[in-house]
């Protein structure tokens, strides 16, 4: 019996075939489901055993053309595989909330998932990109009383406590159950089974602010233990990997970074890992940077590229906010949120390096390059003019289920965006309203649709309260 899944993970495509990994979860000891692809039986392998369940994966090669799909235990799942011409991609992020997410009912929580499902049934998507915080794991610290006591202490007192086998078992069981809940949301599950996904993680897939906290907290045994559990679960349930192997799309042979990329006809998608090596004074370590640069080199000249940056790469001058908060002792709890951003003073040189790499790839590769981000629980967009006169577009869509923030938040960011920011000399960043909207930041739950039609790219936001935006052309 299938407990969760099927879930499809994209591995790339060409004019003849689309490659994907299929994941299901069954009760341990149960027979593996019967799987066929193109009339040929496909064998599952065991990726992991968790909490009395088997996590099974299978590699699929789907032919390009009408009627493509796979059959699982007698049910046929259609998959749109032709990416050689016109196509549609969906982007989602922030699939939860910090507290009480598991107690929310599907009726109010999954409004935008149901819209996305209905849209797919009318005009199928070929890919679904997930930009981080697919799981809100903040309450994992409540899974064991000693972990809860650790979380309640001041950061400087947390480093001496051990991460015991009992704690690890409790945290692992909590993560497993939350993934089972997440993968069985009705509307989302329908899409997971029919639209191949590419996912990257962000802090809430571990715990809030991971990598941006003081070193005493980050390097404590319990924090590192939670990270190891979160990483194992992410590899299984968001990358479709296994306990003993990362997917071939991952680009760091050491496994320290989980950056990955995939190529499709006329399109390469890069997903840098901004969490695994993060520290208060850096976003990516040596392995992460090397993997990101490998991903940029994958795209043939002239072909489009989408870079999924889990935190926005183009944003307002947050260093001013940091400077003010440094003088406000009671504001310290917000410091990790500011350090999470590329614009933080602690990351400014690295931010320049990231933007320079994007500009170099767009200009030297003679390609349209678009950055897509989530994380901030708002919808917005930004532009940066490049040295050859073309435009780097950033599209932000967040969140698919996270409740919208108070109106003061988008208002404050909109005012801050007027100050301007130019981390690269002569390359000012402009934060702009969505098409048909007046404010630069919109506080609606939302998702993003990116379309290629006749070789031209465009984007539309679906906003919970104010509906669809007109298409935004993404040409230079």
Protein backbone atom coordinates (compact mmCIF):
# COMPACT_ATOMS: atom_id res chain seq x y z
CA UNK A 1 0.00 0.00 0.00
CA UNK A 2 1.31 3.45 -0.96
CA UNK A 3 1.40 5.78 2.07
CA UNK A 4 2.72 8.86 0.23
CA UNK A 5 3.51 9.67 -3.39
CA UNK A 6 4.02 9.23 -6.21
CA UNK A 7 6.35 12.23 -6.54
CA UNK A 8 8.25 13.02 -9.76
CA UNK A 9 11.69 14.67 -9.74
CA UNK A 10 13.01 16.11 -13.00
CA UNK A 11 16.42 14.94 -14.21
CA UNK A 12 16.56 16.70 -17.58
CA UNK A 13 15.18 16.18 -21.09
CA UNK A 14 16.08 16.39 -24.76
CA UNK A 15 14.11 16.14 -28.00
CA UNK A 16 13.58 12.38 -27.57
CA UNK A 17 13.27 11.63 -23.85
CA UNK A 18 12.42 13.18 -20.50
CA UNK A 19 14.18 11.67 -17.50
CA UNK A 20 12.73 11.61 -14.00
CA UNK A 21 12.95 9.85 -10.64
CA UNK A 22 9.73 8.55 -9.11
CA UNK A 23 9.35 8.28 -5.32
CA UNK A 24 6.77 6.44 -3.24
CA UNK A 25 6.54 5.55 0.45
CA UNK A 26 5.08 2.20 1.52
CA UNK A 27 4.71 0.28 4.76
CA UNK A 28 7.89 -1.66 5.49
CA UNK A 29 7.50 -5.26 4.37
CA UNK A 30 4.77 -4.46 1.85
CA UNK A 31 5.27 -5.49 -1.75
CA UNK A 32 6.61 -2.75 -4.00
CA UNK A 33 3.97 -1.21 -6.27
CA UNK A 34 3.80 -2.36 -9.88
CA UNK A 35 5.30 0.28 -12.14
CA UNK A 36 5.33 0.50 -15.93
CA UNK A 37 6.69 3.18 -18.23
CA UNK A 38 6.07 2.95 -21.97
CA UNK A 39 4.67 -0.55 -21.47
CA UNK A 40 7.93 -1.75 -19.88
CA UNK A 41 8.08 -2.84 -16.20
CA UNK A 42 10.32 -0.67 -14.02
CA UNK A 43 11.89 -1.85 -10.76
CA UNK A 44 11.93 0.19 -7.56
CA UNK A 45 14.99 0.35 -5.31
CA UNK A 46 14.93 1.05 -1.58
CA UNK A 47 16.29 4.51 -0.88
CA UNK A 48 15.75 4.43 2.91
CA UNK A 49 13.88 2.80 5.75
CA UNK A 50 12.20 5.20 8.17
CA UNK A 51 9.68 4.81 10.99
CA UNK A 52 8.41 1.44 9.80
CA UNK A 53 8.19 2.60 6.19
CA UNK A 54 10.18 2.02 3.01
CA UNK A 55 11.12 4.95 0.79
CA UNK A 56 11.32 3.60 -2.78
CA UNK A 57 12.61 5.27 -5.93
CA UNK A 58 12.66 4.30 -9.61
CA UNK A 59 14.29 5.87 -12.65
CA UNK A 60 11.96 6.70 -15.55
CA UNK A 61 12.72 7.53 -19.17
CA UNK A 62 9.55 9.03 -20.65
CA UNK A 63 9.22 9.44 -24.43
CA UNK A 64 8.62 12.95 -25.71
CA UNK A 65 5.20 13.31 -27.27
CA UNK A 66 1.47 12.98 -26.58
CA UNK A 67 0.29 10.20 -24.33
CA UNK A 68 3.46 10.10 -22.23
CA UNK A 69 3.24 9.02 -18.61
CA UNK A 70 3.60 6.04 -16.31
CA UNK A 71 1.29 3.44 -14.74
CA UNK A 72 1.48 2.76 -11.00
CA UNK A 73 -0.62 -0.06 -9.52
CA UNK A 74 -2.99 0.17 -12.47
CA UNK A 75 -3.42 3.97 -12.43
CA UNK A 76 -2.04 5.95 -15.36
CA UNK A 77 -0.40 9.30 -14.60
CA UNK A 78 -0.03 11.57 -17.66
CA UNK A 79 3.13 13.70 -17.86
CA UNK A 80 3.73 16.54 -20.32
CA UNK A 81 7.19 15.75 -21.73
CA UNK A 82 7.58 17.87 -24.87
CA UNK A 83 9.76 20.87 -24.03
CA UNK A 84 10.98 21.59 -27.56
CA UNK A 85 8.47 24.36 -28.29
CA UNK A 86 5.98 26.33 -26.23
CA UNK A 87 5.93 25.43 -22.54
CA UNK A 88 4.75 26.53 -19.09
CA UNK A 89 6.60 26.31 -15.77
CA UNK A 90 5.15 26.82 -12.29
CA UNK A 91 7.12 28.24 -9.35
CA UNK A 92 6.10 27.97 -5.68
CA UNK A 93 7.74 28.67 -2.31
CA UNK A 94 6.97 28.89 1.41
CA UNK A 95 4.58 25.95 1.72
CA UNK A 96 3.71 26.35 5.40
CA UNK A 97 3.92 28.58 8.45
CA UNK A 98 6.20 28.80 11.47
CA UNK A 99 3.80 27.52 14.12
CA UNK A 100 0.77 25.26 13.97
CA UNK A 101 1.17 24.39 10.31
CA UNK A 102 0.29 20.75 10.82
CA UNK A 103 -2.96 21.70 12.55
CA UNK A 104 -4.28 23.82 9.67
CA UNK A 105 -7.06 22.31 7.60
CA UNK A 106 -6.73 21.95 3.84
CA UNK A 107 -9.72 24.21 3.10
CA UNK A 108 -8.02 27.48 3.95
CA UNK A 109 -4.40 26.37 3.73
CA UNK A 110 -4.39 25.00 0.18
CA UNK A 111 -6.38 27.61 -1.74
CA UNK A 112 -3.49 28.42 -4.06
CA UNK A 113 -2.55 24.76 -4.57
CA UNK A 114 -6.09 24.11 -5.77
CA UNK A 115 -5.82 27.01 -8.24
CA UNK A 116 -2.51 25.67 -9.49
CA UNK A 117 -3.99 22.19 -9.90
CA UNK A 118 -6.95 23.57 -11.88
CA UNK A 119 -4.58 25.56 -14.08
CA UNK A 120 -2.48 22.47 -14.78
CA UNK A 121 -5.56 20.48 -15.78
CA UNK A 122 -6.51 23.18 -18.27
CA UNK A 123 -3.00 23.95 -19.62
CA UNK A 124 -0.39 21.46 -18.36
CA UNK A 125 2.91 22.50 -16.84
CA UNK A 126 6.10 20.72 -17.87
CA UNK A 127 8.01 21.54 -14.67
CA UNK A 128 7.34 22.74 -11.13
CA UNK A 129 10.13 24.70 -9.41
CA UNK A 130 10.19 24.96 -5.61
CA UNK A 131 12.22 27.85 -4.20
CA UNK A 132 12.61 26.88 -0.55
CA UNK A 133 10.68 26.39 2.70
CA UNK A 134 8.72 23.49 1.22
CA UNK A 135 8.55 22.28 4.82
CA UNK A 136 8.30 24.42 7.96
CA UNK A 137 10.39 22.46 10.45
CA UNK A 138 10.59 25.06 13.24
CA UNK A 139 8.55 22.89 15.62
CA UNK A 140 10.96 19.94 15.29
CA UNK A 141 12.64 21.27 18.45
CA UNK A 142 9.47 20.31 20.35
CA UNK A 143 9.82 16.64 19.38
CA UNK A 144 11.96 15.81 22.44
CA UNK A 145 11.91 17.53 25.87
CA UNK A 146 15.70 17.97 26.02
CA UNK A 147 15.77 19.53 22.55
CA UNK A 148 12.95 21.86 23.61
CA UNK A 149 14.95 22.90 26.70
CA UNK A 150 18.00 23.50 24.48
CA UNK A 151 15.94 25.71 22.16
CA UNK A 152 14.70 27.78 25.09
CA UNK A 153 18.20 28.65 26.32
CA UNK A 154 20.30 31.64 25.36
CA UNK A 155 22.47 30.92 22.26
CA UNK A 156 25.72 31.07 24.24
CA UNK A 157 24.61 28.26 26.59
CA UNK A 158 23.60 25.76 23.92
CA UNK A 159 26.94 24.46 22.72
CA UNK A 160 27.75 22.03 25.55
CA UNK A 161 24.64 19.84 25.31
CA UNK A 162 24.97 16.51 23.43
CA UNK A 163 22.69 15.27 20.63
CA UNK A 164 21.72 11.87 21.96
CA UNK A 165 20.39 8.88 19.97
CA UNK A 166 17.03 9.44 21.66
CA UNK A 167 16.94 13.03 20.44
CA UNK A 168 17.91 11.97 16.94
CA UNK A 169 15.15 9.36 16.85
CA UNK A 170 12.54 11.88 18.01
CA UNK A 171 13.64 14.60 15.56
CA UNK A 172 13.79 12.08 12.70
CA UNK A 173 10.29 10.81 13.47
CA UNK A 174 8.99 14.39 13.52
CA UNK A 175 10.54 15.25 10.16
CA UNK A 176 9.27 12.05 8.59
CA UNK A 177 5.70 12.70 9.70
CA UNK A 178 5.77 16.31 8.49
CA UNK A 179 7.00 15.17 5.09
CA UNK A 180 4.23 12.60 4.94
CA UNK A 181 1.69 15.31 5.76
CA UNK A 182 3.18 17.66 3.16
CA UNK A 183 3.35 15.10 0.35
CA UNK A 184 -0.26 14.03 0.89
CA UNK A 185 -1.91 17.46 0.70
CA UNK A 186 -4.61 16.61 -1.89
CA UNK A 187 -4.11 19.31 -4.53
CA UNK A 188 -0.33 19.39 -4.13
CA UNK A 189 -0.13 15.58 -4.27
CA UNK A 190 -2.01 15.60 -7.59
CA UNK A 191 0.64 17.91 -9.04
CA UNK A 192 3.61 16.10 -7.47
CA UNK A 193 2.55 12.94 -9.28
CA UNK A 194 2.15 14.54 -12.72
CA UNK A 195 4.58 17.49 -12.95
CA UNK A 196 8.31 16.80 -12.47
CA UNK A 197 9.77 18.97 -9.71
CA UNK A 198 13.10 20.65 -9.04
CA UNK A 199 13.50 21.78 -5.41
CA UNK A 200 16.06 23.65 -3.33
CA UNK A 201 15.86 24.22 0.40
CA UNK A 202 15.90 27.29 2.62
CA UNK A 203 16.09 27.87 6.36
CA UNK A 204 12.66 26.59 7.43
CA UNK A 205 13.40 23.21 5.84
CA UNK A 206 15.96 22.99 8.70
CA UNK A 207 14.91 25.59 11.28
CA UNK A 208 14.31 29.34 11.14
CA UNK A 209 17.45 31.30 10.32
CA UNK A 210 19.74 28.30 9.79
CA UNK A 211 23.24 29.56 9.02
CA UNK A 212 22.58 33.13 10.16
CA UNK A 213 22.67 32.53 13.92
CA UNK A 214 25.73 33.09 16.16
CA UNK A 215 28.42 30.43 15.84
CA UNK A 216 27.83 29.17 19.38
CA UNK A 217 24.33 28.12 18.36
CA UNK A 218 25.21 26.94 14.84
CA UNK A 219 28.08 24.73 15.98
CA UNK A 220 26.34 23.20 18.98
CA UNK A 221 25.88 19.44 18.86
CA UNK A 222 22.08 19.65 18.87
CA UNK A 223 21.92 22.22 16.05
CA UNK A 224 24.30 20.13 13.96
CA UNK A 225 22.27 17.02 14.76
CA UNK A 226 19.04 18.67 13.61
CA UNK A 227 20.82 19.78 10.43
CA UNK A 228 21.97 16.23 9.66
CA UNK A 229 18.43 14.90 10.07
CA UNK A 230 16.96 17.74 7.98
CA UNK A 231 19.56 17.16 5.26
CA UNK A 232 18.83 13.43 5.07
CA UNK A 233 15.10 14.11 4.77
CA UNK A 234 15.65 16.83 2.16
CA UNK A 235 17.79 14.52 0.03
CA UNK A 236 15.10 11.85 0.18
CA UNK A 237 11.90 13.83 -0.16
CA UNK A 238 12.93 16.94 -2.08
CA UNK A 239 15.78 15.69 -4.26
CA UNK A 240 14.59 12.11 -4.75
CA UNK A 241 18.00 10.83 -3.66
CA UNK A 242 18.95 8.02 -1.30
CA UNK A 243 20.79 7.46 1.96
CA UNK A 244 23.81 6.26 -0.01
CA UNK A 245 23.67 8.46 -3.14
CA UNK A 246 22.83 11.97 -4.26
CA UNK A 247 21.04 12.43 -7.60
CA UNK A 248 23.26 12.84 -10.65
CA UNK A 249 21.94 16.40 -11.02
CA UNK A 250 23.88 17.39 -7.86
CA UNK A 251 27.13 19.14 -8.80
CA UNK A 252 29.33 18.91 -5.69
CA UNK A 253 31.10 15.53 -5.48
CA UNK A 254 31.85 16.09 -1.78
CA UNK A 255 28.15 16.45 -0.91
CA UNK A 256 28.81 19.50 1.26
CA UNK A 257 26.68 21.56 -1.12
CA UNK A 258 23.40 20.28 -2.51
CA UNK A 259 23.45 22.64 -5.50
CA UNK A 260 22.07 21.00 -8.61
CA UNK A 261 21.01 21.79 -12.15
CA UNK A 262 19.18 20.22 -15.09
CA UNK A 263 19.13 20.85 -18.83
CA UNK A 264 16.07 20.88 -21.07
CA UNK A 265 15.59 21.87 -24.73
CA UNK A 266 16.54 25.56 -24.90
CA UNK A 267 16.65 25.93 -21.11
CA UNK A 268 18.99 25.23 -18.21
CA UNK A 269 17.80 25.52 -14.60
CA UNK A 270 20.35 26.15 -11.83
CA UNK A 271 19.51 25.76 -8.14
CA UNK A 272 22.42 26.95 -5.95
CA UNK A 273 22.43 25.77 -2.34
CA UNK A 274 22.37 28.85 -0.08
CA UNK A 275 21.99 26.94 3.21
CA UNK A 276 24.30 23.93 3.59
CA UNK A 277 27.51 25.96 4.01
CA UNK A 278 25.98 29.20 5.27
CA UNK A 279 27.56 31.03 8.19
CA UNK A 280 26.87 34.53 9.57
CA UNK A 281 29.64 35.93 7.37
CA UNK A 282 29.06 33.86 4.20
CA UNK A 283 26.27 32.43 2.06
CA UNK A 284 28.14 29.69 0.18
CA UNK A 285 31.42 27.94 0.91
CA UNK A 286 34.06 26.82 -1.61
CA UNK A 287 32.14 23.72 -2.65
CA UNK A 288 28.90 25.65 -3.11
CA UNK A 289 30.55 28.29 -5.26
CA UNK A 290 32.28 25.66 -7.40
CA UNK A 291 29.00 23.80 -7.90
CA UNK A 292 27.15 27.01 -8.79
CA UNK A 293 29.79 27.94 -11.36
CA UNK A 294 29.57 24.42 -12.84
CA UNK A 295 25.82 24.90 -13.24
CA UNK A 296 26.33 28.15 -15.15
CA UNK A 297 28.72 26.39 -17.54
CA UNK A 298 26.14 23.74 -18.47
CA UNK A 299 24.03 25.95 -20.75
CA UNK A 300 24.92 26.13 -24.46
CA UNK A 301 25.45 29.64 -25.81
CA UNK A 302 22.26 31.50 -26.60
CA UNK A 303 19.94 29.27 -24.59
CA UNK A 304 17.85 30.60 -21.71
CA UNK A 305 18.76 30.05 -18.06
CA UNK A 306 16.70 30.26 -14.88
CA UNK A 307 18.58 30.57 -11.57
CA UNK A 308 16.52 29.75 -8.48
CA UNK A 309 17.94 31.83 -5.61
CA UNK A 310 16.08 30.81 -2.45
CA UNK A 311 16.52 34.37 -1.12
CA UNK A 312 16.08 37.31 -3.52
CA UNK A 313 19.26 38.34 -5.34
CA UNK A 314 17.97 41.84 -6.16
CA UNK A 315 16.55 43.82 -3.27
CA UNK A 316 16.44 47.12 -1.34
CA UNK A 317 19.13 48.61 0.89
CA UNK A 318 18.68 46.43 3.98
CA UNK A 319 22.11 47.41 5.33
CA UNK A 320 20.47 50.64 6.58
CA UNK A 321 17.96 48.59 8.58
CA UNK A 322 20.80 46.50 10.02
CA UNK A 323 22.63 49.66 11.11
CA UNK A 324 19.54 50.91 12.94
CA UNK A 325 18.89 47.55 14.62
CA UNK A 326 22.48 47.37 15.84
CA UNK A 327 21.55 50.26 18.15
CA UNK A 328 18.34 48.57 19.37
CA UNK A 329 19.03 45.72 21.85
CA UNK A 330 15.47 44.45 21.71
CA UNK A 331 15.66 44.08 17.93
CA UNK A 332 18.31 41.35 18.08
CA UNK A 333 15.80 38.60 17.33
CA UNK A 334 15.45 40.05 13.81
CA UNK A 335 19.18 39.97 13.07
CA UNK A 336 19.10 36.45 11.63
CA UNK A 337 16.32 37.49 9.25
CA UNK A 338 18.47 40.34 7.92
CA UNK A 339 21.58 38.16 7.77
CA UNK A 340 19.57 35.72 5.65
CA UNK A 341 19.49 38.23 2.81
CA UNK A 342 22.09 38.76 0.09
CA UNK A 343 21.93 42.51 0.89
CA UNK A 344 23.22 42.06 4.46
CA UNK A 345 26.41 43.95 5.28
CA UNK A 346 27.98 40.61 6.19
CA UNK A 347 27.47 39.30 2.64
CA UNK A 348 28.06 42.37 0.50
CA UNK A 349 31.25 41.19 -1.21
CA UNK A 350 29.72 37.76 -1.82
CA UNK A 351 26.57 39.41 -3.16
CA UNK A 352 28.69 41.30 -5.66
CA UNK A 353 30.36 38.04 -6.66
CA UNK A 354 26.96 36.40 -7.21
CA UNK A 355 25.61 39.28 -9.29
CA UNK A 356 28.85 39.50 -11.28
CA UNK A 357 28.63 35.78 -12.07
CA UNK A 358 25.04 36.22 -13.30
CA UNK A 359 25.99 39.22 -15.42
CA UNK A 360 29.03 37.46 -16.89
CA UNK A 361 26.98 34.40 -17.81
CA UNK A 362 24.15 36.42 -19.36
CA UNK A 363 26.49 38.63 -21.39
CA UNK A 364 29.14 36.13 -22.48
CA UNK A 365 26.56 33.42 -23.11
CA UNK A 366 24.34 35.78 -25.12
CA UNK A 367 21.39 34.39 -23.24
CA UNK A 368 18.25 35.55 -21.45
CA UNK A 369 18.87 34.87 -17.74
CA UNK A 370 16.12 35.19 -15.14
CA UNK A 371 16.41 34.86 -11.35
CA UNK A 372 13.39 33.43 -9.52
CA UNK A 373 13.12 33.70 -5.74
CA UNK A 374 10.76 33.20 -2.82
CA UNK A 375 11.31 33.53 0.97
CA UNK A 376 9.86 36.97 1.76
CA UNK A 377 6.11 36.06 1.79
CA UNK A 378 5.41 38.74 -0.82
CA UNK A 379 5.21 39.05 -4.59
CA UNK A 380 7.50 41.50 -6.33
CA UNK A 381 9.96 41.91 -9.19
CA UNK A 382 13.21 43.72 -9.87
CA UNK A 383 15.56 44.59 -12.71
CA UNK A 384 19.27 45.26 -13.08
CA UNK A 385 20.66 46.65 -16.32
CA UNK A 386 23.71 44.72 -17.54
CA UNK A 387 26.85 45.99 -19.24
CA UNK A 388 25.64 45.04 -22.74
CA UNK A 389 22.36 46.94 -22.26
CA UNK A 390 20.21 43.86 -21.62
CA UNK A 391 18.21 43.35 -18.42
CA UNK A 392 18.55 40.83 -15.62
CA UNK A 393 15.01 40.12 -14.40
CA UNK A 394 14.16 38.86 -10.93
CA UNK A 395 10.74 37.39 -10.18
CA UNK A 396 9.68 36.79 -6.56
CA UNK A 397 6.69 34.62 -5.64
CA UNK A 398 6.07 33.73 -1.99
CA UNK A 399 4.23 32.00 -0.44
CA UNK A 400 1.97 29.32 -1.77
CA UNK A 401 0.41 28.64 1.66
CA UNK A 402 2.17 30.95 4.17
CA UNK A 403 -0.30 33.53 5.54
CA UNK A 404 0.25 36.99 4.15
CA UNK A 405 2.21 39.37 6.41
CA UNK A 406 0.77 42.55 7.98
CA UNK A 407 0.32 45.43 5.51
CA UNK A 408 3.08 47.40 7.27
CA UNK A 409 5.68 44.97 5.92
CA UNK A 410 5.14 45.55 2.17
CA UNK A 411 4.65 49.27 2.81
CA UNK A 412 7.98 49.54 4.63
CA UNK A 413 9.83 47.61 1.91
CA UNK A 414 8.19 49.70 -0.79
CA UNK A 415 9.42 52.89 0.90
CA UNK A 416 12.88 51.40 1.41
CA UNK A 417 13.10 50.42 -2.26
CA UNK A 418 12.93 54.11 -3.22
CA UNK A 419 16.41 54.64 -1.78
CA UNK A 420 17.90 52.49 -4.51
CA UNK A 421 20.78 50.04 -4.35
CA UNK A 422 23.75 49.47 -6.64
CA UNK A 423 26.15 46.80 -5.37
CA UNK A 424 27.83 46.68 -8.80
CA UNK A 425 29.12 50.06 -9.97
CA UNK A 426 26.84 51.51 -12.64
CA UNK A 427 24.28 48.70 -12.26
CA UNK A 428 21.41 50.16 -10.20
CA UNK A 429 18.73 47.76 -8.98
CA UNK A 430 15.13 48.83 -9.51
CA UNK A 431 12.29 47.27 -7.49
CA UNK A 432 9.19 47.55 -9.66
CA UNK A 433 5.44 46.88 -9.31
CA UNK A 434 3.98 43.78 -10.87
CA UNK A 435 2.16 44.43 -14.16
CA UNK A 436 -1.16 46.13 -13.46
CA UNK A 437 -0.28 46.87 -9.80
CA UNK A 438 0.85 50.09 -8.10
CA UNK A 439 2.97 48.98 -5.12
CA UNK A 440 6.30 47.20 -5.59
CA UNK A 441 5.41 44.57 -2.96
CA UNK A 442 2.12 42.65 -2.82
CA UNK A 443 1.02 40.89 0.39
CA UNK A 444 -1.10 38.13 -1.16
CA UNK A 445 -0.43 34.43 -1.17
CA UNK A 446 0.71 33.69 -4.69
CA UNK A 447 2.49 31.52 -7.24
CA UNK A 448 4.30 32.28 -10.50
CA UNK A 449 3.83 30.98 -14.04
CA UNK A 450 6.67 31.35 -16.57
CA UNK A 451 5.79 30.79 -20.23
CA UNK A 452 7.77 30.31 -23.42
CA UNK A 453 5.64 30.99 -26.47
CA UNK A 454 7.09 31.30 -29.95
CA UNK A 455 10.55 31.54 -28.39
CA UNK A 456 9.60 34.57 -26.23
CA UNK A 457 9.51 34.33 -22.43
CA UNK A 458 6.99 35.98 -20.09
CA UNK A 459 5.79 35.69 -16.49
CA UNK A 460 2.46 36.02 -14.67
CA UNK A 461 1.65 36.03 -10.96
CA UNK A 462 -1.50 34.46 -9.57
CA UNK A 463 -2.45 36.48 -6.46
CA UNK A 464 -4.98 35.13 -3.98
CA UNK A 465 -7.03 38.30 -3.48
CA UNK A 466 -6.40 40.37 -6.60
CA UNK A 467 -6.15 37.64 -9.22
CA UNK A 468 -3.91 37.29 -12.26
CA UNK A 469 -1.39 39.87 -13.41
CA UNK A 470 -0.97 40.69 -17.12
CA UNK A 471 2.04 38.93 -18.68
CA UNK A 472 5.44 40.51 -18.05
CA UNK A 473 7.72 40.18 -21.12
CA UNK A 474 11.17 38.91 -20.17
CA UNK A 475 12.97 39.91 -23.34
CA UNK A 476 16.12 42.01 -23.14
